[in-house]
Amino acid sequence: MRVATPTAKTKNVCKDFASRDFVLREAELRDADEIHDILKQAFKGLEGRGYSARAIEAAVISAEEIRKRILLGEQVIVAELGNEIIGTVTGVEEHESMHVCSLAVHPKYQNRGVAKQLMKHLEKIAHDKKCHKLFLCTAWSMTEAIRLYETLGYEEEGHLRRYFCGEDFIVFSRFIKRREN
């Protein structure tokens, strides 16, 4: 088992990863370039699948923008295997809800539960912050992502026509169950 370097930022160790462990943790400023690269790798194969080059360029935010998100206290989480970042998710608290702004896993680690664990971890953070729901927007062409969201209990809430660089998007959300005291 991989032992995470003990820090206050280490969040969770996940074991359902092809018999190897990966760590979920808050991103640090030094991670921004690697997170940017994960976004580039994850989105580069989408252009031929109904996602425009302009939309891909906008989805792959810069390392500087990632640093700003971290400095602003947004929930930027990374999945790390060894010393390599293999996935990321970002959530922004908005009006007692958590907006999932981005989710990306390096292509060689996709379909192995990394995205699922990142989303579950973000949901726990949202729950701890007393958010009522998580919501996100995704393009109709992101069929793998849509299947993931539906598997995690997200429901289609609506459509945004020509929302993101001219792309039609689907809004998904999941209510957070509150424990009654």
N, C-alpha and C. Protein backbone atom coordinates (compact mmCIF):
# COMPACT_ATOMS: atom_id res chain seq x y z
N MET A 1 0.84 -1.18 0.00
CA MET A 1 0.00 0.00 0.00
C MET A 1 0.88 1.23 0.00
N ARG A 2 0.54 2.21 -0.79
CA ARG A 2 1.27 3.46 -0.83
C ARG A 2 0.89 4.27 0.39
N VAL A 3 1.86 4.76 1.09
CA VAL A 3 1.60 5.57 2.26
C VAL A 3 1.73 7.03 1.86
N ALA A 4 0.70 7.79 2.13
CA ALA A 4 0.71 9.21 1.79
C ALA A 4 1.63 9.95 2.73
N THR A 5 2.33 10.93 2.19
CA THR A 5 3.13 11.80 3.04
C THR A 5 2.18 12.50 3.99
N PRO A 6 2.43 12.42 5.29
CA PRO A 6 1.48 13.03 6.22
C PRO A 6 1.47 14.55 6.12
N THR A 7 0.35 15.08 5.71
CA THR A 7 0.16 16.53 5.69
C THR A 7 -1.28 16.80 6.08
N ALA A 8 -1.55 18.00 6.44
CA ALA A 8 -2.92 18.38 6.78
C ALA A 8 -3.82 18.33 5.57
N LYS A 9 -3.23 18.39 4.37
CA LYS A 9 -4.04 18.45 3.16
C LYS A 9 -4.41 17.07 2.63
N THR A 10 -3.78 16.01 3.10
CA THR A 10 -4.13 14.68 2.63
C THR A 10 -5.55 14.36 3.06
N LYS A 11 -6.37 13.91 2.12
CA LYS A 11 -7.78 13.73 2.41
C LYS A 11 -8.20 12.27 2.49
N ASN A 12 -7.80 11.43 1.57
CA ASN A 12 -8.39 10.11 1.48
C ASN A 12 -7.46 9.20 0.68
N VAL A 13 -7.34 7.95 1.09
CA VAL A 13 -6.58 6.98 0.32
C VAL A 13 -7.59 6.00 -0.26
N CYS A 14 -7.53 5.78 -1.58
CA CYS A 14 -8.50 4.93 -2.27
C CYS A 14 -7.82 3.64 -2.69
N LYS A 15 -8.51 2.52 -2.46
CA LYS A 15 -7.89 1.23 -2.74
C LYS A 15 -8.47 0.50 -3.94
N ASP A 16 -9.53 1.01 -4.59
CA ASP A 16 -10.08 0.25 -5.71
C ASP A 16 -9.41 0.60 -7.01
N PHE A 17 -8.15 0.74 -7.03
CA PHE A 17 -7.45 1.13 -8.24
C PHE A 17 -6.48 0.06 -8.68
N ALA A 18 -6.96 -0.94 -9.38
CA ALA A 18 -6.12 -1.98 -9.96
C ALA A 18 -5.02 -2.41 -9.00
N SER A 19 -5.41 -2.69 -7.77
CA SER A 19 -4.52 -3.16 -6.70
C SER A 19 -3.42 -2.18 -6.30
N ARG A 20 -3.52 -0.94 -6.74
CA ARG A 20 -2.59 0.11 -6.29
C ARG A 20 -3.41 1.23 -5.68
N ASP A 21 -2.82 1.97 -4.82
CA ASP A 21 -3.53 3.04 -4.16
C ASP A 21 -3.24 4.38 -4.81
N PHE A 22 -4.21 5.26 -4.72
CA PHE A 22 -3.97 6.65 -5.08
C PHE A 22 -4.53 7.50 -3.95
N VAL A 23 -4.02 8.70 -3.86
CA VAL A 23 -4.37 9.60 -2.77
C VAL A 23 -5.19 10.75 -3.34
N LEU A 24 -6.25 11.13 -2.62
CA LEU A 24 -7.00 12.34 -2.95
C LEU A 24 -6.58 13.41 -1.96
N ARG A 25 -6.27 14.60 -2.48
CA ARG A 25 -5.84 15.68 -1.60
C ARG A 25 -6.17 17.02 -2.22
N GLU A 26 -6.14 18.07 -1.39
CA GLU A 26 -6.30 19.42 -1.89
C GLU A 26 -5.10 19.76 -2.77
N ALA A 27 -5.37 20.44 -3.85
CA ALA A 27 -4.29 20.87 -4.72
C ALA A 27 -3.51 22.00 -4.06
N GLU A 28 -2.25 22.06 -4.40
CA GLU A 28 -1.38 23.13 -3.94
C GLU A 28 -0.96 23.94 -5.16
N LEU A 29 -0.47 25.14 -4.93
CA LEU A 29 -0.07 26.01 -6.05
C LEU A 29 0.92 25.32 -6.98
N ARG A 30 1.83 24.54 -6.43
CA ARG A 30 2.84 23.86 -7.25
C ARG A 30 2.23 22.81 -8.19
N ASP A 31 0.97 22.44 -7.98
CA ASP A 31 0.29 21.42 -8.80
C ASP A 31 -0.35 22.00 -10.06
N ALA A 32 -0.42 23.31 -10.18
CA ALA A 32 -1.21 23.94 -11.24
C ALA A 32 -0.79 23.51 -12.65
N ASP A 33 0.49 23.45 -12.92
CA ASP A 33 0.94 23.06 -14.27
C ASP A 33 0.54 21.62 -14.59
N GLU A 34 0.67 20.75 -13.60
CA GLU A 34 0.31 19.35 -13.81
C GLU A 34 -1.20 19.18 -13.99
N ILE A 35 -1.98 19.94 -13.24
CA ILE A 35 -3.45 19.91 -13.39
C ILE A 35 -3.82 20.38 -14.78
N HIS A 36 -3.20 21.46 -15.24
CA HIS A 36 -3.44 21.97 -16.59
C HIS A 36 -3.15 20.88 -17.62
N ASP A 37 -2.05 20.16 -17.44
CA ASP A 37 -1.70 19.09 -18.38
C ASP A 37 -2.75 17.97 -18.36
N ILE A 38 -3.27 17.63 -17.19
CA ILE A 38 -4.33 16.61 -17.09
C ILE A 38 -5.55 17.07 -17.90
N LEU A 39 -5.93 18.34 -17.74
CA LEU A 39 -7.07 18.86 -18.51
C LEU A 39 -6.80 18.77 -20.01
N LYS A 40 -5.60 19.15 -20.45
CA LYS A 40 -5.26 19.06 -21.88
C LYS A 40 -5.37 17.63 -22.38
N GLN A 41 -4.79 16.69 -21.64
CA GLN A 41 -4.80 15.29 -22.06
C GLN A 41 -6.22 14.73 -22.10
N ALA A 42 -7.02 15.06 -21.10
CA ALA A 42 -8.38 14.51 -21.02
C ALA A 42 -9.30 15.05 -22.10
N PHE A 43 -9.11 16.32 -22.49
CA PHE A 43 -10.02 16.95 -23.44
C PHE A 43 -9.56 16.86 -24.90
N LYS A 44 -8.30 16.50 -25.14
CA LYS A 44 -7.80 16.59 -26.52
C LYS A 44 -8.48 15.63 -27.50
N GLY A 45 -9.03 14.53 -27.05
CA GLY A 45 -9.67 13.60 -27.96
C GLY A 45 -11.12 13.90 -28.26
N LEU A 46 -11.64 15.02 -27.77
CA LEU A 46 -13.08 15.29 -27.92
C LEU A 46 -13.46 16.07 -29.17
N GLU A 47 -12.50 16.69 -29.83
CA GLU A 47 -12.85 17.56 -30.96
C GLU A 47 -13.62 16.83 -32.05
N GLY A 48 -13.26 15.64 -32.36
CA GLY A 48 -13.94 14.88 -33.40
C GLY A 48 -15.24 14.26 -32.95
N ARG A 49 -15.64 14.50 -31.71
CA ARG A 49 -16.85 13.89 -31.15
C ARG A 49 -17.93 14.91 -30.87
N GLY A 50 -17.97 15.98 -31.61
CA GLY A 50 -19.04 16.96 -31.43
C GLY A 50 -18.71 18.06 -30.45
N TYR A 51 -17.45 18.18 -30.07
CA TYR A 51 -17.01 19.23 -29.15
C TYR A 51 -16.07 20.12 -29.94
N SER A 52 -16.39 21.39 -30.08
CA SER A 52 -15.60 22.27 -30.94
C SER A 52 -14.23 22.56 -30.35
N ALA A 53 -13.30 22.92 -31.21
CA ALA A 53 -11.95 23.29 -30.77
C ALA A 53 -12.01 24.47 -29.81
N ARG A 54 -12.91 25.40 -30.07
CA ARG A 54 -13.08 26.58 -29.21
C ARG A 54 -13.56 26.18 -27.82
N ALA A 55 -14.49 25.24 -27.74
CA ALA A 55 -14.99 24.76 -26.45
C ALA A 55 -13.90 24.01 -25.68
N ILE A 56 -13.12 23.22 -26.39
CA ILE A 56 -12.03 22.50 -25.74
C ILE A 56 -11.01 23.49 -25.18
N GLU A 57 -10.67 24.48 -25.97
CA GLU A 57 -9.72 25.50 -25.52
C GLU A 57 -10.23 26.21 -24.26
N ALA A 58 -11.50 26.49 -24.20
CA ALA A 58 -12.08 27.17 -23.03
C ALA A 58 -12.14 26.23 -21.82
N ALA A 59 -12.35 24.95 -22.04
CA ALA A 59 -12.45 23.98 -20.94
C ALA A 59 -11.09 23.71 -20.30
N VAL A 60 -10.04 23.82 -21.09
CA VAL A 60 -8.70 23.56 -20.59
C VAL A 60 -8.15 24.87 -20.03
N ILE A 61 -8.50 25.15 -18.79
CA ILE A 61 -8.11 26.42 -18.20
C ILE A 61 -6.61 26.45 -17.95
N SER A 62 -6.08 27.64 -17.91
CA SER A 62 -4.63 27.83 -17.77
C SER A 62 -4.16 27.48 -16.36
N ALA A 63 -2.87 27.24 -16.25
CA ALA A 63 -2.27 26.98 -14.94
C ALA A 63 -2.45 28.20 -14.04
N GLU A 64 -2.39 29.39 -14.62
CA GLU A 64 -2.59 30.61 -13.84
C GLU A 64 -4.00 30.68 -13.27
N GLU A 65 -4.99 30.30 -14.07
CA GLU A 65 -6.38 30.28 -13.58
C GLU A 65 -6.55 29.24 -12.48
N ILE A 66 -5.88 28.12 -12.63
CA ILE A 66 -5.92 27.08 -11.59
C ILE A 66 -5.32 27.63 -10.29
N ARG A 67 -4.21 28.33 -10.40
CA ARG A 67 -3.60 28.95 -9.20
C ARG A 67 -4.57 29.93 -8.55
N LYS A 68 -5.27 30.71 -9.36
CA LYS A 68 -6.26 31.66 -8.81
C LYS A 68 -7.35 30.91 -8.05
N ARG A 69 -7.83 29.80 -8.61
CA ARG A 69 -8.88 29.03 -7.95
C ARG A 69 -8.39 28.50 -6.59
N ILE A 70 -7.16 28.04 -6.57
CA ILE A 70 -6.59 27.54 -5.32
C ILE A 70 -6.48 28.67 -4.30
N LEU A 71 -5.97 29.81 -4.74
CA LEU A 71 -5.80 30.96 -3.84
C LEU A 71 -7.14 31.49 -3.33
N LEU A 72 -8.18 31.37 -4.14
CA LEU A 72 -9.51 31.82 -3.74
C LEU A 72 -10.20 30.85 -2.78
N GLY A 73 -9.58 29.71 -2.55
CA GLY A 73 -10.16 28.73 -1.64
C GLY A 73 -11.19 27.83 -2.28
N GLU A 74 -11.22 27.78 -3.60
CA GLU A 74 -12.14 26.86 -4.27
C GLU A 74 -11.66 25.43 -4.00
N GLN A 75 -12.53 24.49 -4.11
CA GLN A 75 -12.21 23.09 -3.80
C GLN A 75 -11.54 22.45 -5.02
N VAL A 76 -10.23 22.58 -5.12
CA VAL A 76 -9.46 21.97 -6.19
C VAL A 76 -8.81 20.72 -5.59
N ILE A 77 -9.26 19.57 -6.06
CA ILE A 77 -8.82 18.29 -5.52
C ILE A 77 -8.06 17.53 -6.61
N VAL A 78 -7.01 16.84 -6.21
CA VAL A 78 -6.26 16.01 -7.16
C VAL A 78 -6.23 14.57 -6.68
N ALA A 79 -6.14 13.67 -7.64
CA ALA A 79 -5.87 12.25 -7.38
C ALA A 79 -4.42 12.05 -7.76
N GLU A 80 -3.66 11.48 -6.85
CA GLU A 80 -2.22 11.34 -7.06
C GLU A 80 -1.83 9.88 -6.89
N LEU A 81 -1.07 9.37 -7.84
CA LEU A 81 -0.55 8.01 -7.80
C LEU A 81 0.97 8.13 -7.80
N GLY A 82 1.59 7.71 -6.72
CA GLY A 82 3.02 7.97 -6.57
C GLY A 82 3.20 9.46 -6.48
N ASN A 83 4.04 10.01 -7.32
CA ASN A 83 4.23 11.46 -7.36
C ASN A 83 3.56 12.08 -8.58
N GLU A 84 2.65 11.35 -9.21
CA GLU A 84 2.01 11.81 -10.44
C GLU A 84 0.54 12.13 -10.19
N ILE A 85 0.12 13.31 -10.61
CA ILE A 85 -1.29 13.66 -10.55
C ILE A 85 -1.97 13.00 -11.74
N ILE A 86 -3.03 12.22 -11.45
CA ILE A 86 -3.71 11.46 -12.50
C ILE A 86 -5.13 11.94 -12.75
N GLY A 87 -5.64 12.83 -11.89
CA GLY A 87 -6.99 13.34 -12.07
C GLY A 87 -7.24 14.54 -11.19
N THR A 88 -8.31 15.26 -11.51
CA THR A 88 -8.64 16.46 -10.75
C THR A 88 -10.14 16.76 -10.84
N VAL A 89 -10.65 17.41 -9.81
CA VAL A 89 -12.00 17.93 -9.81
C VAL A 89 -11.98 19.26 -9.08
N THR A 90 -12.81 20.19 -9.52
CA THR A 90 -12.92 21.49 -8.86
C THR A 90 -14.38 21.77 -8.57
N GLY A 91 -14.64 22.20 -7.35
CA GLY A 91 -15.98 22.60 -6.94
C GLY A 91 -15.95 24.00 -6.36
N VAL A 92 -16.99 24.76 -6.67
CA VAL A 92 -17.11 26.13 -6.16
C VAL A 92 -18.43 26.23 -5.41
N GLU A 93 -18.34 26.67 -4.17
CA GLU A 93 -19.54 26.83 -3.36
C GLU A 93 -20.30 28.06 -3.86
N GLU A 94 -21.58 27.87 -4.18
CA GLU A 94 -22.43 28.95 -4.67
C GLU A 94 -23.80 28.84 -4.02
N HIS A 95 -24.15 29.77 -3.17
CA HIS A 95 -25.50 29.85 -2.60
C HIS A 95 -25.95 28.54 -1.96
N GLU A 96 -25.10 27.97 -1.13
CA GLU A 96 -25.37 26.71 -0.43
C GLU A 96 -25.48 25.51 -1.36
N SER A 97 -24.89 25.63 -2.53
CA SER A 97 -24.76 24.51 -3.47
C SER A 97 -23.29 24.43 -3.87
N MET A 98 -22.90 23.30 -4.44
CA MET A 98 -21.53 23.14 -4.92
C MET A 98 -21.58 22.95 -6.44
N HIS A 99 -20.97 23.89 -7.16
CA HIS A 99 -20.89 23.83 -8.62
C HIS A 99 -19.63 23.05 -8.98
N VAL A 100 -19.79 21.93 -9.65
CA VAL A 100 -18.66 21.13 -10.12
C VAL A 100 -18.20 21.77 -11.43
N CYS A 101 -17.08 22.47 -11.36
CA CYS A 101 -16.59 23.25 -12.52
C CYS A 101 -15.82 22.40 -13.52
N SER A 102 -15.04 21.46 -13.01
CA SER A 102 -14.26 20.64 -13.93
C SER A 102 -13.96 19.29 -13.29
N LEU A 103 -13.88 18.29 -14.13
CA LEU A 103 -13.49 16.94 -13.73
C LEU A 103 -12.69 16.38 -14.88
N ALA A 104 -11.50 15.89 -14.60
CA ALA A 104 -10.67 15.32 -15.66
C ALA A 104 -9.76 14.25 -15.08
N VAL A 105 -9.58 13.19 -15.85
CA VAL A 105 -8.66 12.11 -15.49
C VAL A 105 -7.78 11.86 -16.71
N HIS A 106 -6.49 11.69 -16.46
CA HIS A 106 -5.57 11.39 -17.56
C HIS A 106 -6.09 10.16 -18.32
N PRO A 107 -6.06 10.18 -19.65
CA PRO A 107 -6.62 9.07 -20.43
C PRO A 107 -6.12 7.67 -20.04
N LYS A 108 -4.86 7.53 -19.65
CA LYS A 108 -4.38 6.19 -19.31
C LYS A 108 -4.93 5.68 -17.98
N TYR A 109 -5.59 6.54 -17.21
CA TYR A 109 -6.19 6.14 -15.93
C TYR A 109 -7.71 6.21 -15.94
N GLN A 110 -8.30 6.49 -17.10
CA GLN A 110 -9.76 6.57 -17.18
C GLN A 110 -10.38 5.18 -17.07
N ASN A 111 -11.63 5.14 -16.66
CA ASN A 111 -12.40 3.90 -16.51
C ASN A 111 -11.82 2.98 -15.44
N ARG A 112 -11.21 3.57 -14.42
CA ARG A 112 -10.64 2.79 -13.32
C ARG A 112 -11.14 3.28 -11.96
N GLY A 113 -12.18 4.10 -11.94
CA GLY A 113 -12.75 4.54 -10.69
C GLY A 113 -12.19 5.84 -10.13
N VAL A 114 -11.25 6.46 -10.83
CA VAL A 114 -10.64 7.69 -10.33
C VAL A 114 -11.67 8.82 -10.31
N ALA A 115 -12.37 9.03 -11.41
CA ALA A 115 -13.37 10.10 -11.49
C ALA A 115 -14.47 9.88 -10.45
N LYS A 116 -14.90 8.66 -10.29
CA LYS A 116 -15.94 8.33 -9.32
C LYS A 116 -15.49 8.72 -7.91
N GLN A 117 -14.25 8.39 -7.56
CA GLN A 117 -13.76 8.72 -6.22
C GLN A 117 -13.58 10.23 -6.05
N LEU A 118 -13.13 10.92 -7.10
CA LEU A 118 -13.02 12.38 -7.03
C LEU A 118 -14.39 13.01 -6.78
N MET A 119 -15.41 12.54 -7.50
CA MET A 119 -16.75 13.10 -7.33
C MET A 119 -17.31 12.79 -5.94
N LYS A 120 -17.10 11.58 -5.44
CA LYS A 120 -17.58 11.23 -4.11
C LYS A 120 -16.88 12.08 -3.04
N HIS A 121 -15.61 12.34 -3.24
CA HIS A 121 -14.86 13.16 -2.29
C HIS A 121 -15.39 14.60 -2.29
N LEU A 122 -15.67 15.13 -3.48
CA LEU A 122 -16.21 16.48 -3.57
C LEU A 122 -17.59 16.53 -2.92
N GLU A 123 -18.37 15.48 -3.08
CA GLU A 123 -19.68 15.43 -2.44
C GLU A 123 -19.55 15.47 -0.91
N LYS A 124 -18.56 14.78 -0.37
CA LYS A 124 -18.35 14.81 1.08
C LYS A 124 -17.98 16.22 1.53
N ILE A 125 -17.13 16.88 0.77
CA ILE A 125 -16.77 18.27 1.10
C ILE A 125 -18.02 19.14 1.08
N ALA A 126 -18.85 18.99 0.04
CA ALA A 126 -20.08 19.78 -0.06
C ALA A 126 -21.00 19.49 1.14
N HIS A 127 -21.10 18.24 1.52
CA HIS A 127 -21.91 17.87 2.67
C HIS A 127 -21.39 18.55 3.93
N ASP A 128 -20.07 18.49 4.13
CA ASP A 128 -19.45 19.10 5.31
C ASP A 128 -19.64 20.61 5.34
N LYS A 129 -19.76 21.22 4.16
CA LYS A 129 -19.98 22.66 4.07
C LYS A 129 -21.47 23.01 4.11
N LYS A 130 -22.29 21.98 4.35
CA LYS A 130 -23.74 22.15 4.47
C LYS A 130 -24.41 22.63 3.18
N CYS A 131 -23.85 22.22 2.05
CA CYS A 131 -24.48 22.50 0.77
C CYS A 131 -25.68 21.58 0.60
N HIS A 132 -26.67 22.04 -0.15
CA HIS A 132 -27.89 21.26 -0.39
C HIS A 132 -27.79 20.34 -1.61
N LYS A 133 -26.95 20.75 -2.56
CA LYS A 133 -26.82 19.92 -3.76
C LYS A 133 -25.52 20.24 -4.48
N LEU A 134 -25.17 19.36 -5.38
CA LEU A 134 -24.08 19.57 -6.32
C LEU A 134 -24.71 19.68 -7.70
N PHE A 135 -24.14 20.52 -8.55
CA PHE A 135 -24.65 20.62 -9.91
C PHE A 135 -23.49 20.84 -10.87
N LEU A 136 -23.73 20.49 -12.12
CA LEU A 136 -22.69 20.63 -13.15
C LEU A 136 -23.35 20.72 -14.51
N CYS A 137 -22.57 21.17 -15.46
CA CYS A 137 -23.01 21.23 -16.86
C CYS A 137 -22.04 20.41 -17.68
N THR A 138 -22.57 19.68 -18.65
CA THR A 138 -21.70 18.92 -19.53
C THR A 138 -22.31 18.90 -20.93
N ALA A 139 -21.45 18.73 -21.91
CA ALA A 139 -21.90 18.67 -23.30
C ALA A 139 -22.57 17.33 -23.58
N TRP A 140 -23.53 17.33 -24.47
CA TRP A 140 -24.25 16.11 -24.84
C TRP A 140 -23.29 15.05 -25.38
N SER A 141 -22.17 15.49 -25.96
CA SER A 141 -21.22 14.55 -26.56
C SER A 141 -20.34 13.84 -25.52
N MET A 142 -20.40 14.26 -24.29
CA MET A 142 -19.57 13.66 -23.23
C MET A 142 -20.29 12.44 -22.64
N THR A 143 -20.52 11.43 -23.47
CA THR A 143 -21.35 10.30 -23.07
C THR A 143 -20.78 9.52 -21.88
N GLU A 144 -19.46 9.38 -21.82
CA GLU A 144 -18.86 8.66 -20.70
C GLU A 144 -19.09 9.42 -19.40
N ALA A 145 -18.94 10.74 -19.44
CA ALA A 145 -19.16 11.56 -18.26
C ALA A 145 -20.63 11.50 -17.83
N ILE A 146 -21.53 11.55 -18.79
CA ILE A 146 -22.96 11.49 -18.48
C ILE A 146 -23.29 10.16 -17.79
N ARG A 147 -22.73 9.06 -18.29
CA ARG A 147 -22.96 7.76 -17.64
C ARG A 147 -22.43 7.77 -16.20
N LEU A 148 -21.25 8.36 -16.00
CA LEU A 148 -20.69 8.45 -14.65
C LEU A 148 -21.62 9.22 -13.73
N TYR A 149 -22.07 10.39 -14.18
CA TYR A 149 -22.94 11.22 -13.34
C TYR A 149 -24.23 10.49 -12.99
N GLU A 150 -24.81 9.82 -13.98
CA GLU A 150 -26.05 9.07 -13.72
C GLU A 150 -25.80 7.92 -12.74
N THR A 151 -24.68 7.24 -12.88
CA THR A 151 -24.32 6.17 -11.95
C THR A 151 -24.19 6.69 -10.52
N LEU A 152 -23.71 7.91 -10.39
CA LEU A 152 -23.52 8.52 -9.07
C LEU A 152 -24.80 9.15 -8.52
N GLY A 153 -25.90 9.03 -9.26
CA GLY A 153 -27.18 9.54 -8.77
C GLY A 153 -27.53 10.95 -9.22
N TYR A 154 -26.78 11.49 -10.16
CA TYR A 154 -27.12 12.81 -10.69
C TYR A 154 -28.28 12.66 -11.66
N GLU A 155 -29.15 13.66 -11.67
CA GLU A 155 -30.30 13.64 -12.56
C GLU A 155 -30.25 14.84 -13.49
N GLU A 156 -30.74 14.62 -14.70
CA GLU A 156 -30.80 15.72 -15.66
C GLU A 156 -31.81 16.74 -15.15
N GLU A 157 -31.36 17.98 -15.07
CA GLU A 157 -32.21 19.04 -14.54
C GLU A 157 -32.67 20.02 -15.62
N GLY A 158 -31.93 20.09 -16.71
CA GLY A 158 -32.32 21.01 -17.76
C GLY A 158 -31.28 21.08 -18.86
N HIS A 159 -31.52 21.99 -19.79
CA HIS A 159 -30.63 22.17 -20.93
C HIS A 159 -30.27 23.64 -21.07
N LEU A 160 -29.06 23.88 -21.49
CA LEU A 160 -28.59 25.23 -21.79
C LEU A 160 -28.18 25.24 -23.26
N ARG A 161 -29.00 25.86 -24.07
CA ARG A 161 -28.72 25.87 -25.52
C ARG A 161 -27.64 26.89 -25.83
N ARG A 162 -26.68 26.45 -26.62
CA ARG A 162 -25.54 27.29 -27.05
C ARG A 162 -24.89 28.03 -25.89
N TYR A 163 -24.72 27.31 -24.80
CA TYR A 163 -24.23 27.88 -23.55
C TYR A 163 -22.72 28.09 -23.52
N PHE A 164 -21.97 27.09 -23.92
CA PHE A 164 -20.52 27.09 -23.74
C PHE A 164 -19.85 27.12 -25.11
N CYS A 165 -19.41 28.30 -25.50
CA CYS A 165 -18.77 28.47 -26.83
C CYS A 165 -19.65 27.91 -27.94
N GLY A 166 -20.95 28.13 -27.82
CA GLY A 166 -21.88 27.68 -28.84
C GLY A 166 -22.36 26.24 -28.67
N GLU A 167 -21.86 25.54 -27.66
CA GLU A 167 -22.24 24.13 -27.44
C GLU A 167 -23.50 24.06 -26.58
N ASP A 168 -24.36 23.11 -26.89
CA ASP A 168 -25.51 22.82 -26.04
C ASP A 168 -25.02 22.00 -24.85
N PHE A 169 -25.46 22.38 -23.66
CA PHE A 169 -25.05 21.67 -22.45
C PHE A 169 -26.28 21.13 -21.73
N ILE A 170 -26.03 20.08 -20.94
CA ILE A 170 -27.04 19.48 -20.09
C ILE A 170 -26.66 19.81 -18.65
N VAL A 171 -27.64 20.20 -17.85
CA VAL A 171 -27.41 20.47 -16.43
C VAL A 171 -27.79 19.22 -15.65
N PHE A 172 -26.88 18.75 -14.80
CA PHE A 172 -27.13 17.62 -13.93
C PHE A 172 -26.99 18.08 -12.49
N SER A 173 -27.76 17.47 -11.59
CA SER A 173 -27.62 17.81 -10.17
C SER A 173 -27.90 16.58 -9.32
N ARG A 174 -27.43 16.68 -8.09
CA ARG A 174 -27.65 15.63 -7.11
C ARG A 174 -27.85 16.31 -5.77
N PHE A 175 -28.98 15.99 -5.13
CA PHE A 175 -29.25 16.55 -3.81
C PHE A 175 -28.45 15.79 -2.77
N ILE A 176 -28.00 16.51 -1.77
CA ILE A 176 -27.22 15.91 -0.69
C ILE A 176 -28.18 15.56 0.44
N LYS A 177 -28.13 14.34 0.85
CA LYS A 177 -29.01 13.89 1.94
C LYS A 177 -28.45 14.42 3.26
N ARG A 178 -29.31 15.01 4.04
CA ARG A 178 -28.94 15.54 5.35
C ARG A 178 -29.39 14.56 6.42
N ARG A 179 -28.57 14.38 7.40
CA ARG A 179 -28.95 13.55 8.54
C ARG A 179 -29.76 14.41 9.51
N GLU A 180 -30.88 13.88 9.94
CA GLU A 180 -31.71 14.57 10.92
C GLU A 180 -31.17 14.25 12.31
N ASN A 181 -31.06 15.28 13.15
CA ASN A 181 -30.57 15.08 14.53
C ASN A 181 -31.71 14.90 15.49
